[in-house]
């Protein structure tokens, strides 16, 4: 009986050692990195700062019509409108981290243009610019700088008050 107890005690001791060795822990390390980007700046060129649709005349407008200025400054005049005068697509300069890429976007889908005076009775004193386009969807800052131009679509309403309309278009650039 003593030998059975000894073998049982020895077996329990060996089983305990077997369980202890199966509960080992292992560790590993991962690298961690971060890159601080230089401040990204976008400015409109002072001598080329207006999205100008030129002069527009109502030629029998019964519903809304559009005038499109593309990023190269070309114009398409809509139905029942007569367009003349000079158009302009503004130029923006971007500066940031050398060799980086930035995405160009428009934070607002539309921008209002408002009449600069008292709107005559029965006439409309606002227009909307939207469907914005850019000469590039993204821009590579090879030497830390780059530039792009923008265009857009002006919606002209019937009975638009004659005169000058003004507003602004927001442009946003983000590191890619």
N, C-alpha and C. Protein backbone atom coordinates (compact mmCIF):
# COMPACT_ATOMS: atom_id res chain seq x y z
N UNK A 1 0.81 -1.17 0.00
CA UNK A 1 0.00 0.00 0.00
C UNK A 1 0.86 1.25 0.00
N UNK A 2 1.99 1.16 0.74
CA UNK A 2 2.89 2.30 0.78
C UNK A 2 3.43 2.60 -0.61
N UNK A 3 3.72 1.59 -1.39
CA UNK A 3 4.27 1.83 -2.71
C UNK A 3 3.22 2.44 -3.65
N UNK A 4 1.95 2.09 -3.48
CA UNK A 4 0.89 2.67 -4.29
C UNK A 4 0.76 4.15 -3.98
N UNK A 5 0.84 4.51 -2.70
CA UNK A 5 0.76 5.90 -2.30
C UNK A 5 1.94 6.69 -2.84
N UNK A 6 3.14 6.09 -2.80
CA UNK A 6 4.33 6.76 -3.33
C UNK A 6 4.18 7.03 -4.81
N UNK A 7 3.70 6.02 -5.56
CA UNK A 7 3.54 6.20 -7.00
C UNK A 7 2.46 7.23 -7.31
N UNK A 8 1.44 7.26 -6.52
CA UNK A 8 0.37 8.24 -6.72
C UNK A 8 0.88 9.63 -6.44
N UNK A 9 1.63 9.83 -5.37
CA UNK A 9 2.20 11.14 -5.03
C UNK A 9 3.18 11.57 -6.11
N UNK A 10 3.98 10.65 -6.60
CA UNK A 10 4.95 10.98 -7.65
C UNK A 10 4.21 11.37 -8.93
N UNK A 11 3.12 10.68 -9.26
CA UNK A 11 2.34 10.99 -10.47
C UNK A 11 1.68 12.36 -10.38
N UNK A 12 1.16 12.71 -9.18
CA UNK A 12 0.55 14.02 -8.99
C UNK A 12 1.60 15.11 -9.14
N UNK A 13 2.77 14.89 -8.61
CA UNK A 13 3.86 15.88 -8.71
C UNK A 13 4.26 16.07 -10.17
N UNK A 14 4.38 15.00 -10.91
CA UNK A 14 4.75 15.13 -12.33
C UNK A 14 3.64 15.83 -13.14
N UNK A 15 2.40 15.53 -12.83
CA UNK A 15 1.29 16.17 -13.53
C UNK A 15 1.27 17.67 -13.26
N UNK A 16 1.60 18.09 -12.05
CA UNK A 16 1.64 19.50 -11.69
C UNK A 16 2.74 20.19 -12.48
N UNK A 17 3.89 19.58 -12.59
CA UNK A 17 4.99 20.17 -13.37
C UNK A 17 4.57 20.30 -14.84
N UNK A 18 3.87 19.32 -15.36
CA UNK A 18 3.41 19.37 -16.75
C UNK A 18 2.45 20.52 -17.00
N UNK A 19 1.56 20.79 -16.04
CA UNK A 19 0.64 21.91 -16.20
C UNK A 19 1.36 23.24 -16.10
N UNK A 20 2.32 23.38 -15.24
CA UNK A 20 3.06 24.62 -15.05
C UNK A 20 3.83 24.97 -16.32
N UNK A 21 4.42 24.01 -16.99
CA UNK A 21 5.21 24.31 -18.17
C UNK A 21 4.32 24.65 -19.37
N UNK A 22 3.07 24.21 -19.40
CA UNK A 22 2.17 24.52 -20.49
C UNK A 22 1.67 25.97 -20.41
N UNK A 23 1.81 26.67 -19.32
CA UNK A 23 1.32 28.03 -19.13
C UNK A 23 2.42 29.06 -19.33
N UNK A 24 3.28 28.87 -20.28
CA UNK A 24 4.35 29.82 -20.55
C UNK A 24 3.79 31.05 -21.26
N UNK A 25 4.45 32.20 -21.14
CA UNK A 25 4.07 33.44 -21.82
C UNK A 25 5.12 33.80 -22.85
N UNK A 26 4.67 34.49 -23.93
CA UNK A 26 5.59 34.96 -24.97
C UNK A 26 5.29 36.43 -25.25
N UNK A 27 6.27 37.19 -25.62
CA UNK A 27 6.09 38.60 -25.94
C UNK A 27 6.75 38.92 -27.27
N UNK A 28 6.27 40.00 -27.90
CA UNK A 28 6.87 40.51 -29.14
C UNK A 28 6.69 42.02 -29.14
N UNK A 29 7.49 42.70 -29.92
CA UNK A 29 7.43 44.15 -30.02
C UNK A 29 7.12 44.57 -31.45
N UNK A 30 6.38 45.67 -31.60
CA UNK A 30 6.10 46.27 -32.91
C UNK A 30 6.75 47.65 -32.93
N UNK A 31 7.18 48.07 -34.10
CA UNK A 31 7.75 49.41 -34.23
C UNK A 31 6.62 50.44 -34.19
N UNK A 32 6.90 51.63 -33.74
CA UNK A 32 5.96 52.75 -33.74
C UNK A 32 6.64 53.94 -34.39
N UNK A 33 5.93 54.59 -35.32
CA UNK A 33 6.48 55.77 -35.99
C UNK A 33 5.41 56.84 -36.12
N UNK A 34 5.84 58.05 -36.36
CA UNK A 34 4.94 59.18 -36.63
C UNK A 34 5.70 60.17 -37.49
N UNK A 35 4.99 60.85 -38.37
CA UNK A 35 5.59 61.90 -39.19
C UNK A 35 4.80 63.18 -38.97
N UNK A 36 5.49 64.23 -38.60
CA UNK A 36 4.85 65.53 -38.43
C UNK A 36 4.96 66.26 -39.76
N UNK A 37 3.82 66.63 -40.33
CA UNK A 37 3.79 67.32 -41.61
C UNK A 37 3.89 68.82 -41.40
N UNK A 38 4.52 69.49 -42.34
CA UNK A 38 4.59 70.95 -42.24
C UNK A 38 3.20 71.53 -42.47
N UNK A 39 3.01 72.76 -42.03
CA UNK A 39 1.72 73.41 -42.18
C UNK A 39 1.37 73.54 -43.65
N UNK A 40 0.16 73.17 -43.98
CA UNK A 40 -0.34 73.25 -45.35
C UNK A 40 -1.04 74.59 -45.52
N UNK A 41 -0.67 75.33 -46.58
CA UNK A 41 -1.28 76.63 -46.83
C UNK A 41 -1.81 76.69 -48.25
N UNK A 42 -2.95 77.34 -48.41
CA UNK A 42 -3.50 77.61 -49.73
C UNK A 42 -3.90 79.07 -49.77
N UNK A 43 -3.48 79.76 -50.84
CA UNK A 43 -3.81 81.17 -51.01
C UNK A 43 -4.23 81.41 -52.45
N UNK A 44 -5.14 82.34 -52.63
CA UNK A 44 -5.55 82.72 -53.98
C UNK A 44 -4.60 83.80 -54.47
N UNK A 45 -4.21 83.71 -55.74
CA UNK A 45 -3.29 84.69 -56.33
C UNK A 45 -4.01 86.04 -56.41
N UNK A 46 -3.39 87.06 -55.85
CA UNK A 46 -4.03 88.38 -55.71
C UNK A 46 -4.47 88.97 -57.05
N UNK A 47 -3.73 88.73 -58.11
CA UNK A 47 -4.08 89.31 -59.41
C UNK A 47 -5.00 88.40 -60.22
N UNK A 48 -5.34 87.25 -59.68
CA UNK A 48 -6.15 86.26 -60.40
C UNK A 48 -7.08 85.57 -59.40
N UNK A 49 -7.92 86.37 -58.72
CA UNK A 49 -8.66 85.86 -57.58
C UNK A 49 -10.17 85.73 -57.78
N UNK A 50 -10.68 85.95 -58.98
CA UNK A 50 -12.12 85.98 -59.17
C UNK A 50 -12.58 84.91 -60.16
N UNK A 51 -13.61 84.17 -59.78
CA UNK A 51 -14.31 83.29 -60.71
C UNK A 51 -15.33 84.18 -61.41
N UNK A 52 -14.95 84.67 -62.60
CA UNK A 52 -15.73 85.68 -63.32
C UNK A 52 -16.46 85.02 -64.49
N UNK A 53 -17.78 85.13 -64.49
CA UNK A 53 -18.60 84.55 -65.55
C UNK A 53 -18.83 85.53 -66.70
N UNK A 54 -18.29 86.74 -66.58
CA UNK A 54 -18.42 87.74 -67.63
C UNK A 54 -19.77 88.43 -67.58
N UNK A 55 -20.18 88.98 -68.72
CA UNK A 55 -21.45 89.69 -68.83
C UNK A 55 -22.50 88.74 -69.38
N UNK A 56 -23.68 88.75 -68.77
CA UNK A 56 -24.74 87.82 -69.14
C UNK A 56 -26.02 88.61 -69.38
N UNK A 57 -26.67 88.37 -70.52
CA UNK A 57 -27.93 89.04 -70.84
C UNK A 57 -29.03 88.00 -71.02
N UNK A 58 -30.21 88.33 -70.53
CA UNK A 58 -31.40 87.50 -70.69
C UNK A 58 -31.85 87.62 -72.14
N UNK A 59 -31.93 86.49 -72.83
CA UNK A 59 -32.36 86.49 -74.24
C UNK A 59 -33.64 85.68 -74.38
N UNK A 60 -34.59 85.93 -73.46
CA UNK A 60 -35.87 85.20 -73.49
C UNK A 60 -35.92 84.06 -72.50
N UNK A 61 -35.28 84.23 -71.36
CA UNK A 61 -35.20 83.18 -70.34
C UNK A 61 -36.57 82.92 -69.73
N UNK A 62 -37.07 81.68 -69.87
CA UNK A 62 -38.37 81.30 -69.30
C UNK A 62 -38.18 80.48 -68.02
N UNK A 63 -37.08 79.76 -67.92
CA UNK A 63 -36.73 78.96 -66.74
C UNK A 63 -35.29 79.22 -66.41
N UNK A 64 -34.74 78.49 -65.48
CA UNK A 64 -33.33 78.70 -65.14
C UNK A 64 -32.43 78.22 -66.29
N UNK A 65 -31.26 78.81 -66.36
CA UNK A 65 -30.25 78.42 -67.33
C UNK A 65 -28.90 78.55 -66.64
N UNK A 66 -27.86 78.07 -67.27
CA UNK A 66 -26.55 78.08 -66.63
C UNK A 66 -25.48 78.69 -67.52
N UNK A 67 -24.44 79.17 -66.85
CA UNK A 67 -23.21 79.61 -67.51
C UNK A 67 -22.09 78.85 -66.82
N UNK A 68 -21.27 78.18 -67.60
CA UNK A 68 -20.17 77.38 -67.04
C UNK A 68 -18.84 78.03 -67.40
N UNK A 69 -17.98 78.20 -66.40
CA UNK A 69 -16.59 78.60 -66.63
C UNK A 69 -15.73 77.45 -66.16
N UNK A 70 -14.90 76.90 -67.08
CA UNK A 70 -14.06 75.77 -66.71
C UNK A 70 -12.75 76.27 -66.08
N UNK A 71 -11.96 75.36 -65.50
CA UNK A 71 -10.72 75.77 -64.83
C UNK A 71 -9.70 76.47 -65.74
N UNK A 72 -9.84 76.33 -67.05
CA UNK A 72 -8.95 77.04 -67.98
C UNK A 72 -9.49 78.42 -68.34
N UNK A 73 -10.70 78.76 -67.86
CA UNK A 73 -11.29 80.06 -68.13
C UNK A 73 -12.24 80.08 -69.31
N UNK A 74 -12.45 78.91 -69.95
CA UNK A 74 -13.40 78.84 -71.06
C UNK A 74 -14.84 78.91 -70.57
N UNK A 75 -15.71 79.46 -71.40
CA UNK A 75 -17.10 79.65 -70.98
C UNK A 75 -18.06 78.93 -71.93
N UNK A 76 -19.13 78.38 -71.35
CA UNK A 76 -20.25 77.82 -72.11
C UNK A 76 -21.50 78.56 -71.62
N UNK A 77 -22.18 79.21 -72.54
CA UNK A 77 -23.35 80.01 -72.22
C UNK A 77 -24.61 79.18 -72.46
N UNK A 78 -25.50 79.15 -71.48
CA UNK A 78 -26.70 78.33 -71.53
C UNK A 78 -27.79 78.86 -72.44
N UNK A 79 -28.85 78.08 -72.55
CA UNK A 79 -30.00 78.38 -73.38
C UNK A 79 -30.65 79.70 -72.96
N UNK A 80 -31.02 80.49 -73.95
CA UNK A 80 -31.71 81.77 -73.77
C UNK A 80 -30.91 82.79 -72.97
N UNK A 81 -29.59 82.67 -73.03
CA UNK A 81 -28.69 83.66 -72.44
C UNK A 81 -27.71 84.11 -73.52
N UNK A 82 -27.28 85.35 -73.44
CA UNK A 82 -26.22 85.85 -74.30
C UNK A 82 -25.05 86.22 -73.40
N UNK A 83 -23.88 85.66 -73.68
CA UNK A 83 -22.70 85.90 -72.85
C UNK A 83 -21.65 86.67 -73.63
N UNK A 84 -20.99 87.59 -72.95
CA UNK A 84 -19.92 88.36 -73.56
C UNK A 84 -18.95 88.77 -72.45
N UNK A 85 -17.95 89.51 -72.81
CA UNK A 85 -16.99 89.98 -71.81
C UNK A 85 -15.96 88.91 -71.44
N UNK A 86 -15.10 89.28 -70.55
CA UNK A 86 -13.98 88.42 -70.14
C UNK A 86 -14.38 87.50 -69.00
N UNK A 87 -13.94 86.26 -69.10
CA UNK A 87 -14.13 85.30 -68.01
C UNK A 87 -12.79 85.09 -67.32
N UNK A 88 -12.85 84.55 -66.12
CA UNK A 88 -11.62 84.30 -65.37
C UNK A 88 -11.82 83.13 -64.44
N UNK A 89 -10.82 82.26 -64.37
CA UNK A 89 -10.78 81.15 -63.43
C UNK A 89 -9.67 81.45 -62.43
N UNK A 90 -9.98 81.59 -61.15
CA UNK A 90 -8.95 81.97 -60.17
C UNK A 90 -7.88 80.90 -59.99
N UNK A 91 -6.68 81.36 -59.65
CA UNK A 91 -5.53 80.48 -59.41
C UNK A 91 -5.22 80.45 -57.93
N UNK A 92 -4.97 79.25 -57.41
CA UNK A 92 -4.61 79.06 -56.01
C UNK A 92 -3.21 78.46 -55.92
N UNK A 93 -2.41 78.96 -54.98
CA UNK A 93 -1.09 78.41 -54.71
C UNK A 93 -1.14 77.61 -53.41
N UNK A 94 -0.46 76.48 -53.40
CA UNK A 94 -0.41 75.60 -52.24
C UNK A 94 1.04 75.42 -51.84
N UNK A 95 1.32 75.46 -50.53
CA UNK A 95 2.66 75.14 -50.04
C UNK A 95 2.52 74.16 -48.87
N UNK A 96 3.47 73.22 -48.82
CA UNK A 96 3.44 72.19 -47.78
C UNK A 96 4.71 71.35 -47.83
N UNK A 97 4.63 70.14 -47.31
CA UNK A 97 5.77 69.24 -47.22
C UNK A 97 6.26 68.82 -48.60
N UNK A 98 7.55 68.99 -48.85
CA UNK A 98 8.17 68.62 -50.13
C UNK A 98 7.89 67.15 -50.43
N UNK A 99 7.42 66.87 -51.65
CA UNK A 99 7.18 65.51 -52.09
C UNK A 99 5.83 64.94 -51.68
N UNK A 100 5.02 65.69 -50.97
CA UNK A 100 3.72 65.18 -50.54
C UNK A 100 2.66 65.44 -51.62
N UNK A 101 1.52 64.80 -51.44
CA UNK A 101 0.38 64.99 -52.33
C UNK A 101 -0.78 65.53 -51.53
N UNK A 102 -1.49 66.48 -52.11
CA UNK A 102 -2.68 67.04 -51.46
C UNK A 102 -3.89 66.81 -52.35
N UNK A 103 -5.05 66.64 -51.73
CA UNK A 103 -6.31 66.53 -52.44
C UNK A 103 -7.01 67.88 -52.41
N UNK A 104 -7.65 68.22 -53.50
CA UNK A 104 -8.36 69.50 -53.62
C UNK A 104 -9.85 69.21 -53.59
N UNK A 105 -10.57 69.95 -52.77
CA UNK A 105 -12.02 69.76 -52.68
C UNK A 105 -12.71 71.08 -52.39
N UNK A 106 -14.01 71.02 -52.42
CA UNK A 106 -14.86 72.19 -52.15
C UNK A 106 -15.75 71.83 -50.97
N UNK A 107 -15.56 72.48 -49.81
CA UNK A 107 -16.33 72.11 -48.62
C UNK A 107 -17.83 72.41 -48.74
N UNK A 108 -18.20 73.29 -49.64
CA UNK A 108 -19.62 73.61 -49.86
C UNK A 108 -19.99 73.25 -51.29
N UNK A 109 -21.14 72.61 -51.46
CA UNK A 109 -21.58 72.20 -52.80
C UNK A 109 -21.97 73.39 -53.66
N UNK A 110 -22.44 74.45 -53.02
CA UNK A 110 -22.85 75.66 -53.74
C UNK A 110 -22.42 76.90 -52.96
N UNK A 111 -22.42 78.01 -53.64
CA UNK A 111 -22.13 79.31 -53.02
C UNK A 111 -23.10 80.34 -53.59
N UNK A 112 -23.70 81.17 -52.73
CA UNK A 112 -24.64 82.17 -53.23
C UNK A 112 -23.91 83.41 -53.76
N UNK A 113 -24.45 83.99 -54.80
CA UNK A 113 -24.03 85.31 -55.27
C UNK A 113 -25.21 86.24 -55.03
N UNK A 114 -24.95 87.39 -54.45
CA UNK A 114 -26.05 88.31 -54.12
C UNK A 114 -25.88 89.63 -54.87
N UNK A 115 -27.01 90.21 -55.18
CA UNK A 115 -27.10 91.48 -55.88
C UNK A 115 -26.55 92.58 -54.99
N UNK A 116 -25.86 93.54 -55.57
CA UNK A 116 -25.19 94.58 -54.80
C UNK A 116 -26.03 95.80 -54.47
N UNK A 117 -27.30 95.76 -54.63
CA UNK A 117 -28.14 96.92 -54.33
C UNK A 117 -29.53 96.50 -53.92
N UNK A 118 -30.47 97.42 -54.07
CA UNK A 118 -31.87 97.12 -53.78
C UNK A 118 -32.47 96.40 -54.99
N UNK A 119 -33.03 95.23 -54.73
CA UNK A 119 -33.60 94.43 -55.81
C UNK A 119 -34.93 95.05 -56.25
N UNK A 120 -35.06 95.34 -57.54
CA UNK A 120 -36.33 95.90 -58.03
C UNK A 120 -37.49 94.93 -57.78
N UNK A 121 -38.65 95.46 -57.56
CA UNK A 121 -39.85 94.66 -57.31
C UNK A 121 -40.07 93.66 -58.43
N UNK A 122 -40.36 92.43 -58.06
CA UNK A 122 -40.65 91.38 -59.03
C UNK A 122 -39.42 90.72 -59.63
N UNK A 123 -38.22 91.12 -59.18
CA UNK A 123 -36.99 90.55 -59.73
C UNK A 123 -36.28 89.71 -58.66
N UNK A 124 -35.35 88.90 -59.11
CA UNK A 124 -34.59 88.02 -58.22
C UNK A 124 -33.21 88.61 -57.97
N UNK A 125 -32.77 88.59 -56.72
CA UNK A 125 -31.49 89.19 -56.36
C UNK A 125 -30.43 88.22 -55.91
N UNK A 126 -30.60 86.92 -56.17
CA UNK A 126 -29.56 85.94 -55.83
C UNK A 126 -29.39 84.95 -56.98
N UNK A 127 -28.19 84.44 -57.09
CA UNK A 127 -27.87 83.35 -58.01
C UNK A 127 -27.00 82.37 -57.24
N UNK A 128 -26.85 81.17 -57.77
CA UNK A 128 -26.05 80.14 -57.10
C UNK A 128 -24.94 79.66 -58.03
N UNK A 129 -23.75 79.49 -57.46
CA UNK A 129 -22.64 78.87 -58.18
C UNK A 129 -22.44 77.49 -57.56
N UNK A 130 -22.25 76.49 -58.38
CA UNK A 130 -22.03 75.13 -57.89
C UNK A 130 -21.33 74.30 -58.94
N UNK A 131 -21.41 72.99 -58.81
CA UNK A 131 -20.74 72.04 -59.71
C UNK A 131 -19.31 72.51 -59.96
N UNK A 132 -18.61 72.74 -58.87
CA UNK A 132 -17.24 73.24 -58.95
C UNK A 132 -16.31 72.20 -59.54
N UNK A 133 -15.33 72.68 -60.30
CA UNK A 133 -14.31 71.81 -60.88
C UNK A 133 -12.94 72.42 -60.59
N UNK A 134 -11.94 71.57 -60.64
CA UNK A 134 -10.56 72.01 -60.40
C UNK A 134 -9.68 71.49 -61.52
N UNK A 135 -8.61 72.20 -61.81
CA UNK A 135 -7.68 71.75 -62.85
C UNK A 135 -6.97 70.46 -62.45
N UNK A 136 -7.05 70.09 -61.17
CA UNK A 136 -6.47 68.84 -60.67
C UNK A 136 -7.24 68.39 -59.44
N UNK A 137 -7.52 67.08 -59.35
CA UNK A 137 -8.18 66.54 -58.16
C UNK A 137 -7.19 66.41 -57.01
N UNK A 138 -5.93 66.16 -57.37
CA UNK A 138 -4.86 66.12 -56.38
C UNK A 138 -3.64 66.81 -56.98
N UNK A 139 -2.73 67.21 -56.12
CA UNK A 139 -1.59 68.00 -56.54
C UNK A 139 -0.35 67.48 -55.84
N UNK A 140 0.71 67.21 -56.59
CA UNK A 140 1.98 66.78 -56.02
C UNK A 140 2.84 68.00 -55.74
N UNK A 141 3.26 68.14 -54.49
CA UNK A 141 4.08 69.28 -54.09
C UNK A 141 5.56 68.91 -54.24
N UNK A 142 6.00 68.76 -55.49
CA UNK A 142 7.35 68.29 -55.80
C UNK A 142 8.41 69.12 -55.09
N UNK A 143 8.34 70.42 -55.17
CA UNK A 143 9.29 71.30 -54.51
C UNK A 143 8.67 71.96 -53.28
N UNK A 144 7.57 71.38 -52.79
CA UNK A 144 6.88 71.95 -51.64
C UNK A 144 5.80 72.94 -52.02
N UNK A 145 5.61 73.15 -53.34
CA UNK A 145 4.58 74.09 -53.80
C UNK A 145 3.87 73.54 -55.02
N UNK A 146 2.72 74.09 -55.31
CA UNK A 146 1.96 73.74 -56.50
C UNK A 146 0.84 74.74 -56.68
N UNK A 147 0.17 74.69 -57.82
CA UNK A 147 -0.95 75.60 -58.04
C UNK A 147 -2.03 74.90 -58.86
N UNK A 148 -3.24 75.43 -58.77
CA UNK A 148 -4.38 74.91 -59.51
C UNK A 148 -5.38 76.03 -59.74
N UNK A 149 -6.29 75.81 -60.68
CA UNK A 149 -7.36 76.77 -60.97
C UNK A 149 -8.70 76.07 -60.77
N UNK A 150 -9.75 76.88 -60.62
CA UNK A 150 -11.08 76.30 -60.44
C UNK A 150 -12.08 76.90 -61.42
N UNK A 151 -13.16 76.18 -61.63
CA UNK A 151 -14.27 76.66 -62.43
C UNK A 151 -15.57 76.30 -61.72
N UNK A 152 -16.69 76.69 -62.31
CA UNK A 152 -17.97 76.40 -61.69
C UNK A 152 -19.12 76.70 -62.64
N UNK A 153 -20.32 76.40 -62.16
CA UNK A 153 -21.54 76.61 -62.95
C UNK A 153 -22.44 77.60 -62.23
N UNK A 154 -22.77 78.68 -62.92
CA UNK A 154 -23.66 79.71 -62.40
C UNK A 154 -25.08 79.42 -62.88
N UNK A 155 -26.03 79.39 -61.94
CA UNK A 155 -27.44 79.21 -62.30
C UNK A 155 -28.09 80.58 -62.34
N UNK A 156 -28.63 80.93 -63.52
CA UNK A 156 -29.28 82.22 -63.74
C UNK A 156 -30.79 81.98 -63.75
N UNK A 157 -31.50 82.80 -62.98
CA UNK A 157 -32.96 82.68 -62.86
C UNK A 157 -33.66 83.66 -63.80
N UNK A 158 -34.91 83.36 -64.15
CA UNK A 158 -35.68 84.35 -64.91
C UNK A 158 -35.87 85.59 -64.03
N UNK A 159 -36.00 86.73 -64.65
CA UNK A 159 -36.20 88.01 -63.95
C UNK A 159 -35.07 88.30 -62.97
N UNK A 160 -33.85 87.99 -63.39
CA UNK A 160 -32.67 88.29 -62.56
C UNK A 160 -32.46 89.80 -62.60
N UNK A 161 -32.33 90.42 -61.44
CA UNK A 161 -32.12 91.88 -61.37
C UNK A 161 -30.81 92.24 -62.08
N UNK A 162 -30.83 93.26 -62.95
CA UNK A 162 -29.60 93.66 -63.63
C UNK A 162 -28.64 94.32 -62.64
N UNK A 163 -27.37 93.97 -62.73
CA UNK A 163 -26.36 94.54 -61.85
C UNK A 163 -25.28 93.52 -61.53
N UNK A 164 -24.42 93.90 -60.60
CA UNK A 164 -23.28 93.06 -60.21
C UNK A 164 -23.67 92.18 -59.02
N UNK A 165 -23.32 90.90 -59.11
CA UNK A 165 -23.56 89.92 -58.04
C UNK A 165 -22.21 89.46 -57.52
N UNK A 166 -22.08 89.33 -56.21
CA UNK A 166 -20.80 88.91 -55.62
C UNK A 166 -21.03 87.81 -54.57
N UNK A 167 -19.99 87.06 -54.33
CA UNK A 167 -19.98 86.00 -53.33
C UNK A 167 -18.58 85.43 -53.26
N UNK A 168 -18.42 84.30 -52.61
CA UNK A 168 -17.10 83.67 -52.54
C UNK A 168 -17.24 82.15 -52.60
N UNK A 169 -16.19 81.52 -53.08
CA UNK A 169 -16.13 80.06 -53.21
C UNK A 169 -15.01 79.57 -52.31
N UNK A 170 -15.33 78.63 -51.42
CA UNK A 170 -14.32 78.05 -50.52
C UNK A 170 -13.65 76.86 -51.20
N UNK A 171 -12.32 76.79 -51.05
CA UNK A 171 -11.52 75.69 -51.57
C UNK A 171 -10.76 75.10 -50.40
N UNK A 172 -10.62 73.78 -50.38
CA UNK A 172 -9.92 73.10 -49.29
C UNK A 172 -8.86 72.16 -49.86
N UNK A 173 -7.68 72.16 -49.25
CA UNK A 173 -6.64 71.21 -49.62
C UNK A 173 -6.26 70.41 -48.37
N UNK A 174 -6.09 69.10 -48.55
CA UNK A 174 -5.76 68.20 -47.45
C UNK A 174 -4.62 67.28 -47.88
N UNK A 175 -3.73 66.99 -46.94
CA UNK A 175 -2.69 66.00 -47.25
C UNK A 175 -3.35 64.67 -47.57
N UNK A 176 -2.82 63.99 -48.57
CA UNK A 176 -3.34 62.69 -48.99
C UNK A 176 -2.76 61.61 -48.11
